Amino acid sequence: MLCCSLFPALAQDNYADSLARSKRDSIRIAKEIAYRENLKLSREILGRHPYFNFTEKATYPLYIKKLHAPGKEIYFYIVICIFLLFAILKASFDKYFSDLINLFFRRSLKQRQLRQQVIQNSLPSLLFNIFFVITGGFYAALGIQRTTPHLTLPFWQLAIYAIAAIGIIYSGKFLVLKFIGWVFKITRLTDNYIFLIFLVNKIIAILLLPLIIVIALTEKEISAIAWTLSWLLILALFLYRYISAMQLVKKDKSISFFHFLLYVGAFEILPIIILYKATYQFFAG
C-alpha cells in the first residue's frame, strides 16, 4: 500500500519538474529571440545612421592621410632658370639692356644713335632673342596646358616643343623678310621691320617675367588675373608694332599700304591661326 501511494506522488513531482523545466526553457528561448531581434534592429539603426558609418571597414581620418598631390616643382625650376638666364644677360650686357629700354620707352634726339648702338651689338641682340624664344615657349606651354586640361604629355616635353616651335617661326619670319627685301629691292624697309619685330619681342619677354611667376606658381583664381594682364600686354605691344610698321611704310614709300596689309595677313596672322588650330587638334586628339 505504501509503494502504491508513493508512485503517484513521484509521478506528480516529475510532472511538476518537467513543467518547470519547460517554462524555463521557453523563457530562455524567448529571451534569446528577443536579444537577436534587438541586435538585428540595432544593426539596422546604426547602419542607416546619417553621420557615422558603423557597417563598413574603418578608414583613416583625412588629416593623417598622406596625399600625393601633383606639385609645381617643374614650374618653379623652369622659372628659376629663366630668371637666372635673364640675370646673367643683364649683368653681362648692362649697357645694351639700358640702350634697349631707353630706345623703346623714351623718345629723344639720341634715338637714332641708340638704335645704331643696339643694331651694332649683334651678340647681346642674339642672346636676348634666344631669351625671348625660351620665355615665349614657356608662356605658350602654360597656355596650352591651361586650354587642354586632359593633356597627358609631360610639361617639360610640352615646353620643349613650344620653345622649338617659336624658334622655328621667328627664324622662318626672319628668312622670309630677308628674301622679300632682296627680291623686291626693299632691303632697308625689311631690315627696319625686322629690327622692330625683335625689339618688341625682347620687350615682351622682359615685361612678361613678373606675370609668368604669378601664372605658373599661384592658384587658378589669381593666375586668371595674370593671364588677362598678359594678354592685354601682348595685344598692346603687337598693336604698337603694327602702328610703328605702318609709319615705316609711309616714310619709306617703297611699297603701298595695301601690300603691307597683305603681308601682315598672309605671313603673320594666318600662320598663327593655322598653328594654333593644328596644335589644339594635335594635343586635344
C-alpha atoms as a PDB file:
ATOM      1  CA  MET A   1       0.000   0.000   0.000  1.00  0.00           C
ATOM      2  CA  LEU A   2       2.919   2.309   0.761  1.00  0.00           C
ATOM      3  CA  CYS A   3       4.503   1.689  -2.638  1.00  0.00           C
ATOM      4  CA  CYS A   4       1.261   2.363  -4.407  1.00  0.00           C
ATOM      5  CA  SER A   5       0.870   5.633  -2.603  1.00  0.00           C
ATOM      6  CA  LEU A   6       4.444   6.688  -3.474  1.00  0.00           C
ATOM      7  CA  PHE A   7       4.220   6.223  -7.264  1.00  0.00           C
ATOM      8  CA  PRO A   8       1.510   8.820  -7.854  1.00  0.00           C
ATOM      9  CA  ALA A   9       3.471  11.302  -5.729  1.00  0.00           C
ATOM     10  CA  LEU A  10       6.670  10.663  -7.674  1.00  0.00           C
ATOM     11  CA  ALA A  11       4.809  10.954 -10.943  1.00  0.00           C
ATOM     12  CA  GLN A  12       3.285  14.222  -9.825  1.00  0.00           C
ATOM     13  CA  ASP A  13       6.704  15.552  -8.780  1.00  0.00           C
ATOM     14  CA  ASN A  14       8.265  14.555 -12.122  1.00  0.00           C
ATOM     15  CA  TYR A  15       5.474  16.243 -13.976  1.00  0.00           C
ATOM     16  CA  ALA A  16       5.933  19.428 -11.936  1.00  0.00           C
ATOM     17  CA  ASP A  17       9.697  19.356 -12.572  1.00  0.00           C
ATOM     18  CA  SER A  18       9.263  18.853 -16.310  1.00  0.00           C
ATOM     19  CA  LEU A  19       6.685  21.631 -16.413  1.00  0.00           C
ATOM     20  CA  ALA A  20       9.000  23.996 -14.584  1.00  0.00           C
ATOM     21  CA  ARG A  21      11.905  22.980 -16.857  1.00  0.00           C
ATOM     22  CA  SER A  22       9.812  23.592 -19.991  1.00  0.00           C
ATOM     23  CA  LYS A  23       8.836  27.012 -18.660  1.00  0.00           C
ATOM     24  CA  ARG A  24      12.469  27.869 -18.036  1.00  0.00           C
ATOM     25  CA  ASP A  25      13.429  26.679 -21.496  1.00  0.00           C
ATOM     26  CA  SER A  26      10.629  28.677 -23.112  1.00  0.00           C
ATOM     27  CA  ILE A  27      11.668  31.783 -21.185  1.00  0.00           C
ATOM     28  CA  ARG A  28      15.319  31.274 -22.191  1.00  0.00           C
ATOM     29  CA  ILE A  29      14.324  30.794 -25.841  1.00  0.00           C
ATOM     30  CA  ALA A  30      12.110  33.861 -25.715  1.00  0.00           C
ATOM     31  CA  LYS A  31      14.985  35.874 -24.254  1.00  0.00           C
ATOM     32  CA  GLU A  32      17.357  34.651 -26.982  1.00  0.00           C
ATOM     33  CA  ILE A  33      14.822  35.519 -29.678  1.00  0.00           C
ATOM     34  CA  ALA A  34      14.251  38.962 -28.165  1.00  0.00           C
ATOM     35  CA  TYR A  35      18.047  39.512 -27.908  1.00  0.00           C
ATOM     36  CA  ARG A  36      18.533  38.554 -31.552  1.00  0.00           C
ATOM     37  CA  GLU A  37      15.687  40.799 -32.659  1.00  0.00           C
ATOM     38  CA  ASN A  38      17.088  43.677 -30.638  1.00  0.00           C
ATOM     39  CA  LEU A  39      20.562  43.069 -32.082  1.00  0.00           C
ATOM     40  CA  LYS A  40      19.202  42.963 -35.634  1.00  0.00           C
ATOM     41  CA  LEU A  41      17.200  46.136 -35.054  1.00  0.00           C
ATOM     42  CA  SER A  42      20.241  47.886 -33.568  1.00  0.00           C
ATOM     43  CA  ARG A  43      22.369  46.938 -36.587  1.00  0.00           C
ATOM     44  CA  GLU A  44      19.752  48.292 -38.958  1.00  0.00           C
ATOM     45  CA  ILE A  45      19.533  51.561 -36.996  1.00  0.00           C
ATOM     46  CA  LEU A  46      23.300  52.000 -36.838  1.00  0.00           C
ATOM     47  CA  GLY A  47      23.691  51.012 -40.493  1.00  0.00           C
ATOM     48  CA  ARG A  48      21.377  53.834 -41.532  1.00  0.00           C
ATOM     49  CA  HIS A  49      22.992  56.435 -39.297  1.00  0.00           C
ATOM     50  CA  PRO A  50      23.297  59.724 -41.249  1.00  0.00           C
ATOM     51  CA  TYR A  51      26.627  60.821 -39.717  1.00  0.00           C
ATOM     52  CA  PHE A  52      28.541  57.690 -38.701  1.00  0.00           C
ATOM     53  CA  ASN A  53      29.380  54.606 -40.700  1.00  0.00           C
ATOM     54  CA  PHE A  54      29.155  51.509 -38.465  1.00  0.00           C
ATOM     55  CA  THR A  55      28.944  48.832 -41.169  1.00  0.00           C
ATOM     56  CA  GLU A  56      31.950  49.484 -43.447  1.00  0.00           C
ATOM     57  CA  LYS A  57      35.632  48.994 -42.801  1.00  0.00           C
ATOM     58  CA  ALA A  58      37.282  51.688 -40.693  1.00  0.00           C
ATOM     59  CA  THR A  59      39.265  54.311 -42.607  1.00  0.00           C
ATOM     60  CA  TYR A  60      41.937  56.795 -41.582  1.00  0.00           C
ATOM     61  CA  PRO A  61      40.884  60.410 -40.967  1.00  0.00           C
ATOM     62  CA  LEU A  62      41.758  62.881 -43.713  1.00  0.00           C
ATOM     63  CA  TYR A  63      44.187  64.799 -41.534  1.00  0.00           C
ATOM     64  CA  ILE A  64      46.510  61.786 -41.148  1.00  0.00           C
ATOM     65  CA  LYS A  65      46.325  60.633 -44.778  1.00  0.00           C
ATOM     66  CA  LYS A  66      49.381  61.247 -46.934  1.00  0.00           C
ATOM     67  CA  LEU A  67      48.103  62.776 -50.137  1.00  0.00           C
ATOM     68  CA  HIS A  68      50.272  62.657 -53.247  1.00  0.00           C
ATOM     69  CA  ALA A  69      49.033  65.843 -54.893  1.00  0.00           C
ATOM     70  CA  PRO A  70      50.761  66.970 -58.092  1.00  0.00           C
ATOM     71  CA  GLY A  71      53.148  69.777 -57.184  1.00  0.00           C
ATOM     72  CA  LYS A  72      54.510  72.719 -59.131  1.00  0.00           C
ATOM     73  CA  GLU A  73      58.181  71.885 -58.762  1.00  0.00           C
ATOM     74  CA  ILE A  74      58.765  71.704 -62.514  1.00  0.00           C
ATOM     75  CA  TYR A  75      57.284  75.198 -62.986  1.00  0.00           C
ATOM     76  CA  PHE A  76      59.393  76.541 -60.122  1.00  0.00           C
ATOM     77  CA  TYR A  77      62.645  75.172 -61.538  1.00  0.00           C
ATOM     78  CA  ILE A  78      61.922  76.458 -65.045  1.00  0.00           C
ATOM     79  CA  VAL A  79      61.044  79.923 -63.681  1.00  0.00           C
ATOM     80  CA  ILE A  80      64.281  79.947 -61.658  1.00  0.00           C
ATOM     81  CA  CYS A  81      66.275  79.019 -64.795  1.00  0.00           C
ATOM     82  CA  ILE A  82      64.573  81.761 -66.840  1.00  0.00           C
ATOM     83  CA  PHE A  83      65.294  84.406 -64.197  1.00  0.00           C
ATOM     84  CA  LEU A  84      68.864  83.174 -63.828  1.00  0.00           C
ATOM     85  CA  LEU A  85      69.353  83.495 -67.587  1.00  0.00           C
ATOM     86  CA  PHE A  86      67.905  86.998 -67.516  1.00  0.00           C
ATOM     87  CA  ALA A  87      70.184  87.987 -64.626  1.00  0.00           C
ATOM     88  CA  ILE A  88      73.239  86.682 -66.478  1.00  0.00           C
ATOM     89  CA  LEU A  89      72.296  88.553 -69.662  1.00  0.00           C
ATOM     90  CA  LYS A  90      71.581  91.798 -67.822  1.00  0.00           C
ATOM     91  CA  ALA A  91      74.805  91.599 -65.795  1.00  0.00           C
ATOM     92  CA  SER A  92      76.873  90.740 -68.878  1.00  0.00           C
ATOM     93  CA  PHE A  93      75.309  93.285 -71.253  1.00  0.00           C
ATOM     94  CA  ASP A  94      74.053  96.027 -68.952  1.00  0.00           C
ATOM     95  CA  LYS A  95      74.835  98.810 -71.465  1.00  0.00           C
ATOM     96  CA  TYR A  96      72.905  97.021 -74.215  1.00  0.00           C
ATOM     97  CA  PHE A  97      69.967  96.438 -71.851  1.00  0.00           C
ATOM     98  CA  SER A  98      69.860 100.114 -70.860  1.00  0.00           C
ATOM     99  CA  ASP A  99      70.006 101.210 -74.508  1.00  0.00           C
ATOM    100  CA  LEU A 100      67.223  98.763 -75.366  1.00  0.00           C
ATOM    101  CA  ILE A 101      64.921 100.107 -72.637  1.00  0.00           C
ATOM    102  CA  ASN A 102      65.720 103.738 -73.482  1.00  0.00           C
ATOM    103  CA  LEU A 103      65.143 103.128 -77.185  1.00  0.00           C
ATOM    104  CA  PHE A 104      61.693 101.628 -76.588  1.00  0.00           C
ATOM    105  CA  PHE A 105      60.332 103.787 -73.785  1.00  0.00           C
ATOM    106  CA  ARG A 106      61.982 107.142 -74.404  1.00  0.00           C
ATOM    107  CA  ARG A 107      61.573 109.432 -77.377  1.00  0.00           C
ATOM    108  CA  SER A 108      64.672 111.612 -77.557  1.00  0.00           C
ATOM    109  CA  LEU A 109      67.019 113.219 -80.025  1.00  0.00           C
ATOM    110  CA  LYS A 110      69.505 110.431 -79.375  1.00  0.00           C
ATOM    111  CA  GLN A 111      67.096 107.732 -80.534  1.00  0.00           C
ATOM    112  CA  ARG A 112      68.843 107.222 -83.867  1.00  0.00           C
ATOM    113  CA  GLN A 113      72.180 106.974 -82.098  1.00  0.00           C
ATOM    114  CA  LEU A 114      70.769 104.464 -79.619  1.00  0.00           C
ATOM    115  CA  ARG A 115      69.293 102.488 -82.470  1.00  0.00           C
ATOM    116  CA  GLN A 116      72.659 102.238 -84.176  1.00  0.00           C
ATOM    117  CA  GLN A 117      74.281 101.101 -80.944  1.00  0.00           C
ATOM    118  CA  VAL A 118      71.639  98.425 -80.428  1.00  0.00           C
ATOM    119  CA  ILE A 119      71.982  97.198 -84.020  1.00  0.00           C
ATOM    120  CA  GLN A 120      75.755  97.010 -83.811  1.00  0.00           C
ATOM    121  CA  ASN A 121      75.712  94.800 -80.700  1.00  0.00           C
ATOM    122  CA  SER A 122      74.882  91.600 -82.537  1.00  0.00           C
ATOM    123  CA  LEU A 123      75.870  89.118 -79.802  1.00  0.00           C
ATOM    124  CA  PRO A 124      73.655  90.510 -76.993  1.00  0.00           C
ATOM    125  CA  SER A 125      70.865  91.001 -79.523  1.00  0.00           C
ATOM    126  CA  LEU A 126      71.064  87.314 -80.470  1.00  0.00           C
ATOM    127  CA  LEU A 127      71.157  86.213 -76.833  1.00  0.00           C
ATOM    128  CA  PHE A 128      68.169  88.354 -75.897  1.00  0.00           C
ATOM    129  CA  ASN A 129      66.299  86.936 -78.907  1.00  0.00           C
ATOM    130  CA  ILE A 130      67.034  83.440 -77.587  1.00  0.00           C
ATOM    131  CA  PHE A 131      65.793  84.599 -74.186  1.00  0.00           C
ATOM    132  CA  PHE A 132      62.531  85.695 -75.846  1.00  0.00           C
ATOM    133  CA  VAL A 133      62.167  82.302 -77.521  1.00  0.00           C
ATOM    134  CA  ILE A 134      62.629  80.483 -74.188  1.00  0.00           C
ATOM    135  CA  THR A 135      60.285  82.784 -72.270  1.00  0.00           C
ATOM    136  CA  GLY A 136      57.677  82.764 -75.032  1.00  0.00           C
ATOM    137  CA  GLY A 137      57.842  78.977 -75.310  1.00  0.00           C
ATOM    138  CA  PHE A 138      57.322  78.545 -71.573  1.00  0.00           C
ATOM    139  CA  TYR A 139      54.410  81.001 -71.674  1.00  0.00           C
ATOM    140  CA  ALA A 140      52.880  79.191 -74.667  1.00  0.00           C
ATOM    141  CA  ALA A 141      53.272  75.816 -72.925  1.00  0.00           C
ATOM    142  CA  LEU A 142      51.417  77.163 -69.882  1.00  0.00           C
ATOM    143  CA  GLY A 143      48.657  78.412 -72.176  1.00  0.00           C
ATOM    144  CA  ILE A 144      48.350  75.076 -73.997  1.00  0.00           C
ATOM    145  CA  GLN A 145      48.188  73.205 -70.709  1.00  0.00           C
ATOM    146  CA  ARG A 146      45.510  75.607 -69.442  1.00  0.00           C
ATOM    147  CA  THR A 147      43.297  75.231 -72.540  1.00  0.00           C
ATOM    148  CA  THR A 148      43.713  71.429 -72.763  1.00  0.00           C
ATOM    149  CA  PRO A 149      43.376  70.091 -69.176  1.00  0.00           C
ATOM    150  CA  HIS A 150      43.137  66.460 -70.374  1.00  0.00           C
ATOM    151  CA  LEU A 151      46.609  66.656 -71.928  1.00  0.00           C
ATOM    152  CA  THR A 152      48.782  63.675 -70.925  1.00  0.00           C
ATOM    153  CA  LEU A 153      52.078  64.987 -72.314  1.00  0.00           C
ATOM    154  CA  PRO A 154      54.650  65.853 -69.598  1.00  0.00           C
ATOM    155  CA  PHE A 155      55.024  69.595 -69.150  1.00  0.00           C
ATOM    156  CA  TRP A 156      58.774  69.669 -69.718  1.00  0.00           C
ATOM    157  CA  GLN A 157      58.280  67.961 -73.080  1.00  0.00           C
ATOM    158  CA  LEU A 158      55.460  70.343 -73.971  1.00  0.00           C
ATOM    159  CA  ALA A 159      57.714  73.316 -73.082  1.00  0.00           C
ATOM    160  CA  ILE A 160      60.499  71.995 -75.327  1.00  0.00           C
ATOM    161  CA  TYR A 161      58.064  71.629 -78.249  1.00  0.00           C
ATOM    162  CA  ALA A 162      56.708  75.150 -77.692  1.00  0.00           C
ATOM    163  CA  ILE A 163      60.201  76.699 -77.492  1.00  0.00           C
ATOM    164  CA  ALA A 164      61.248  74.876 -80.661  1.00  0.00           C
ATOM    165  CA  ALA A 165      58.062  75.987 -82.471  1.00  0.00           C
ATOM    166  CA  ILE A 166      58.558  79.664 -81.571  1.00  0.00           C
ATOM    167  CA  GLY A 167      62.214  79.469 -82.581  1.00  0.00           C
ATOM    168  CA  ILE A 168      61.289  77.972 -85.956  1.00  0.00           C
ATOM    169  CA  ILE A 169      58.502  80.540 -86.528  1.00  0.00           C
ATOM    170  CA  TYR A 170      60.684  83.581 -85.942  1.00  0.00           C
ATOM    171  CA  SER A 171      63.655  82.107 -87.781  1.00  0.00           C
ATOM    172  CA  GLY A 172      61.361  81.495 -90.764  1.00  0.00           C
ATOM    173  CA  LYS A 173      59.930  85.007 -90.480  1.00  0.00           C
ATOM    174  CA  PHE A 174      63.447  86.454 -90.475  1.00  0.00           C
ATOM    175  CA  LEU A 175      64.417  84.489 -93.590  1.00  0.00           C
ATOM    176  CA  VAL A 176      61.178  85.346 -95.410  1.00  0.00           C
ATOM    177  CA  LEU A 177      61.600  89.067 -94.742  1.00  0.00           C
ATOM    178  CA  LYS A 178      65.212  88.962 -95.857  1.00  0.00           C
ATOM    179  CA  PHE A 179      64.166  87.159 -99.032  1.00  0.00           C
ATOM    180  CA  ILE A 180      61.339  89.647 -99.725  1.00  0.00           C
ATOM    181  CA  GLY A 181      63.712  92.572 -99.235  1.00  0.00           C
ATOM    182  CA  TRP A 182      66.257  91.052-101.626  1.00  0.00           C
ATOM    183  CA  VAL A 183      63.709  90.121-104.305  1.00  0.00           C
ATOM    184  CA  PHE A 184      61.776  93.419-104.318  1.00  0.00           C
ATOM    185  CA  LYS A 185      64.855  95.561-103.535  1.00  0.00           C
ATOM    186  CA  ILE A 186      63.406  96.972-100.331  1.00  0.00           C
ATOM    187  CA  THR A 187      66.176  95.754 -98.038  1.00  0.00           C
ATOM    188  CA  ARG A 188      66.198  98.918 -95.965  1.00  0.00           C
ATOM    189  CA  LEU A 189      62.485  98.660 -95.211  1.00  0.00           C
ATOM    190  CA  THR A 190      62.597  94.952 -94.347  1.00  0.00           C
ATOM    191  CA  ASP A 191      65.669  95.426 -92.143  1.00  0.00           C
ATOM    192  CA  ASN A 192      63.897  98.172 -90.229  1.00  0.00           C
ATOM    193  CA  TYR A 193      60.822  95.977 -89.849  1.00  0.00           C
ATOM    194  CA  ILE A 194      62.940  93.021 -88.669  1.00  0.00           C
ATOM    195  CA  PHE A 195      64.586  95.277 -86.102  1.00  0.00           C
ATOM    196  CA  LEU A 196      61.158  96.450 -84.931  1.00  0.00           C
ATOM    197  CA  ILE A 197      59.838  92.885 -84.621  1.00  0.00           C
ATOM    198  CA  PHE A 198      62.716  91.683 -82.477  1.00  0.00           C
ATOM    199  CA  LEU A 199      62.783  94.883 -80.433  1.00  0.00           C
ATOM    200  CA  VAL A 200      59.136  94.358 -79.452  1.00  0.00           C
ATOM    201  CA  ASN A 201      59.806  90.668 -78.802  1.00  0.00           C
ATOM    202  CA  LYS A 202      62.608  91.490 -76.356  1.00  0.00           C
ATOM    203  CA  ILE A 203      60.367  93.952 -74.500  1.00  0.00           C
ATOM    204  CA  ILE A 204      57.559  91.355 -74.362  1.00  0.00           C
ATOM    205  CA  ALA A 205      59.934  88.807 -72.812  1.00  0.00           C
ATOM    206  CA  ILE A 206      61.140  91.300 -70.193  1.00  0.00           C
ATOM    207  CA  LEU A 207      57.664  92.545 -69.238  1.00  0.00           C
ATOM    208  CA  LEU A 208      56.211  89.024 -69.060  1.00  0.00           C
ATOM    209  CA  LEU A 209      58.673  87.901 -66.386  1.00  0.00           C
ATOM    210  CA  PRO A 210      56.689  89.024 -63.285  1.00  0.00           C
ATOM    211  CA  LEU A 211      53.422  87.804 -64.798  1.00  0.00           C
ATOM    212  CA  ILE A 212      54.919  84.392 -65.577  1.00  0.00           C
ATOM    213  CA  ILE A 213      55.732  83.911 -61.882  1.00  0.00           C
ATOM    214  CA  VAL A 214      52.106  84.546 -60.926  1.00  0.00           C
ATOM    215  CA  ILE A 215      50.751  82.397 -63.768  1.00  0.00           C
ATOM    216  CA  ALA A 216      52.980  79.411 -63.037  1.00  0.00           C
ATOM    217  CA  LEU A 217      53.092  79.350 -59.230  1.00  0.00           C
ATOM    218  CA  THR A 218      49.735  80.618 -57.936  1.00  0.00           C
ATOM    219  CA  GLU A 219      46.201  79.245 -57.769  1.00  0.00           C
ATOM    220  CA  LYS A 220      43.716  79.493 -60.627  1.00  0.00           C
ATOM    221  CA  GLU A 221      41.853  82.498 -59.245  1.00  0.00           C
ATOM    222  CA  ILE A 222      44.998  84.642 -59.029  1.00  0.00           C
ATOM    223  CA  SER A 223      46.622  83.271 -62.181  1.00  0.00           C
ATOM    224  CA  ALA A 224      43.475  84.139 -64.178  1.00  0.00           C
ATOM    225  CA  ILE A 225      44.117  87.814 -63.412  1.00  0.00           C
ATOM    226  CA  ALA A 226      47.738  87.461 -64.528  1.00  0.00           C
ATOM    227  CA  TRP A 227      46.607  85.718 -67.732  1.00  0.00           C
ATOM    228  CA  THR A 228      44.293  88.631 -68.551  1.00  0.00           C
ATOM    229  CA  LEU A 229      47.028  91.190 -67.902  1.00  0.00           C
ATOM    230  CA  SER A 230      49.500  89.258 -70.053  1.00  0.00           C
ATOM    231  CA  TRP A 231      47.045  89.080 -72.964  1.00  0.00           C
ATOM    232  CA  LEU A 232      46.403  92.812 -72.745  1.00  0.00           C
ATOM    233  CA  LEU A 233      50.146  93.481 -72.592  1.00  0.00           C
ATOM    234  CA  ILE A 234      50.904  91.321 -75.638  1.00  0.00           C
ATOM    235  CA  LEU A 235      47.981  92.818 -77.578  1.00  0.00           C
ATOM    236  CA  ALA A 236      49.142  96.370 -76.788  1.00  0.00           C
ATOM    237  CA  LEU A 237      52.724  95.645 -77.845  1.00  0.00           C
ATOM    238  CA  PHE A 238      51.615  93.966 -81.059  1.00  0.00           C
ATOM    239  CA  LEU A 239      49.413  96.968 -81.877  1.00  0.00           C
ATOM    240  CA  TYR A 240      52.406  99.197 -81.196  1.00  0.00           C
ATOM    241  CA  ARG A 241      54.480  97.093 -83.570  1.00  0.00           C
ATOM    242  CA  TYR A 242      51.973  97.268 -86.406  1.00  0.00           C
ATOM    243  CA  ILE A 243      51.393 101.017 -85.937  1.00  0.00           C
ATOM    244  CA  SER A 244      55.147 101.623 -85.990  1.00  0.00           C
ATOM    245  CA  ALA A 245      55.444  99.400 -89.075  1.00  0.00           C
ATOM    246  CA  MET A 246      52.760 101.441 -90.829  1.00  0.00           C
ATOM    247  CA  GLN A 247      54.756 104.580 -90.108  1.00  0.00           C
ATOM    248  CA  LEU A 248      57.849 102.912 -91.590  1.00  0.00           C
ATOM    249  CA  VAL A 249      55.908 102.047 -94.740  1.00  0.00           C
ATOM    250  CA  LYS A 250      54.598 105.590 -95.089  1.00  0.00           C
ATOM    251  CA  LYS A 251      58.070 107.097 -94.673  1.00  0.00           C
ATOM    252  CA  ASP A 252      59.855 104.703 -96.992  1.00  0.00           C
ATOM    253  CA  LYS A 253      57.178 104.589 -99.730  1.00  0.00           C
ATOM    254  CA  SER A 254      58.835 101.524-101.290  1.00  0.00           C
ATOM    255  CA  ILE A 255      55.613  99.527-101.081  1.00  0.00           C
ATOM    256  CA  SER A 256      51.997 100.529-100.755  1.00  0.00           C
ATOM    257  CA  PHE A 257      49.982 100.319 -97.581  1.00  0.00           C
ATOM    258  CA  PHE A 258      47.757  97.673 -99.211  1.00  0.00           C
ATOM    259  CA  HIS A 259      50.734  95.374 -99.883  1.00  0.00           C
ATOM    260  CA  PHE A 260      51.837  95.756 -96.278  1.00  0.00           C
ATOM    261  CA  LEU A 261      48.381  94.638 -95.094  1.00  0.00           C
ATOM    262  CA  LEU A 262      48.601  91.657 -97.436  1.00  0.00           C
ATOM    263  CA  TYR A 263      51.949  90.713 -95.904  1.00  0.00           C
ATOM    264  CA  VAL A 264      50.610  91.029 -92.350  1.00  0.00           C
ATOM    265  CA  GLY A 265      47.588  88.874 -93.147  1.00  0.00           C
ATOM    266  CA  ALA A 266      49.489  86.226 -95.147  1.00  0.00           C
ATOM    267  CA  PHE A 267      52.718  85.887 -93.151  1.00  0.00           C
ATOM    268  CA  GLU A 268      51.775  86.852 -89.597  1.00  0.00           C
ATOM    269  CA  ILE A 269      48.089  86.487 -88.767  1.00  0.00           C
ATOM    270  CA  LEU A 270      47.223  83.476 -90.922  1.00  0.00           C
ATOM    271  CA  PRO A 271      50.208  81.291 -89.821  1.00  0.00           C
ATOM    272  CA  ILE A 272      49.406  81.976 -86.164  1.00  0.00           C
ATOM    273  CA  ILE A 273      45.790  80.878 -86.677  1.00  0.00           C
ATOM    274  CA  ILE A 274      46.857  77.736 -88.553  1.00  0.00           C
ATOM    275  CA  LEU A 275      49.494  76.886 -85.937  1.00  0.00           C
ATOM    276  CA  TYR A 276      47.043  77.334 -83.078  1.00  0.00           C
ATOM    277  CA  LYS A 277      44.435  75.170 -84.829  1.00  0.00           C
ATOM    278  CA  ALA A 278      46.942  72.419 -85.617  1.00  0.00           C
ATOM    279  CA  THR A 279      48.406  72.489 -82.092  1.00  0.00           C
ATOM    280  CA  TYR A 280      44.977  72.325 -80.466  1.00  0.00           C
ATOM    281  CA  GLN A 281      43.878  69.398 -82.637  1.00  0.00           C
ATOM    282  CA  PHE A 282      47.153  67.547 -82.074  1.00  0.00           C
ATOM    283  CA  PHE A 283      47.158  67.825 -78.285  1.00  0.00           C
ATOM    284  CA  ALA A 284      43.386  67.561 -77.913  1.00  0.00           C
ATOM    285  CA  GLY A 285      43.192  64.470 -80.065  1.00  0.00           C
END
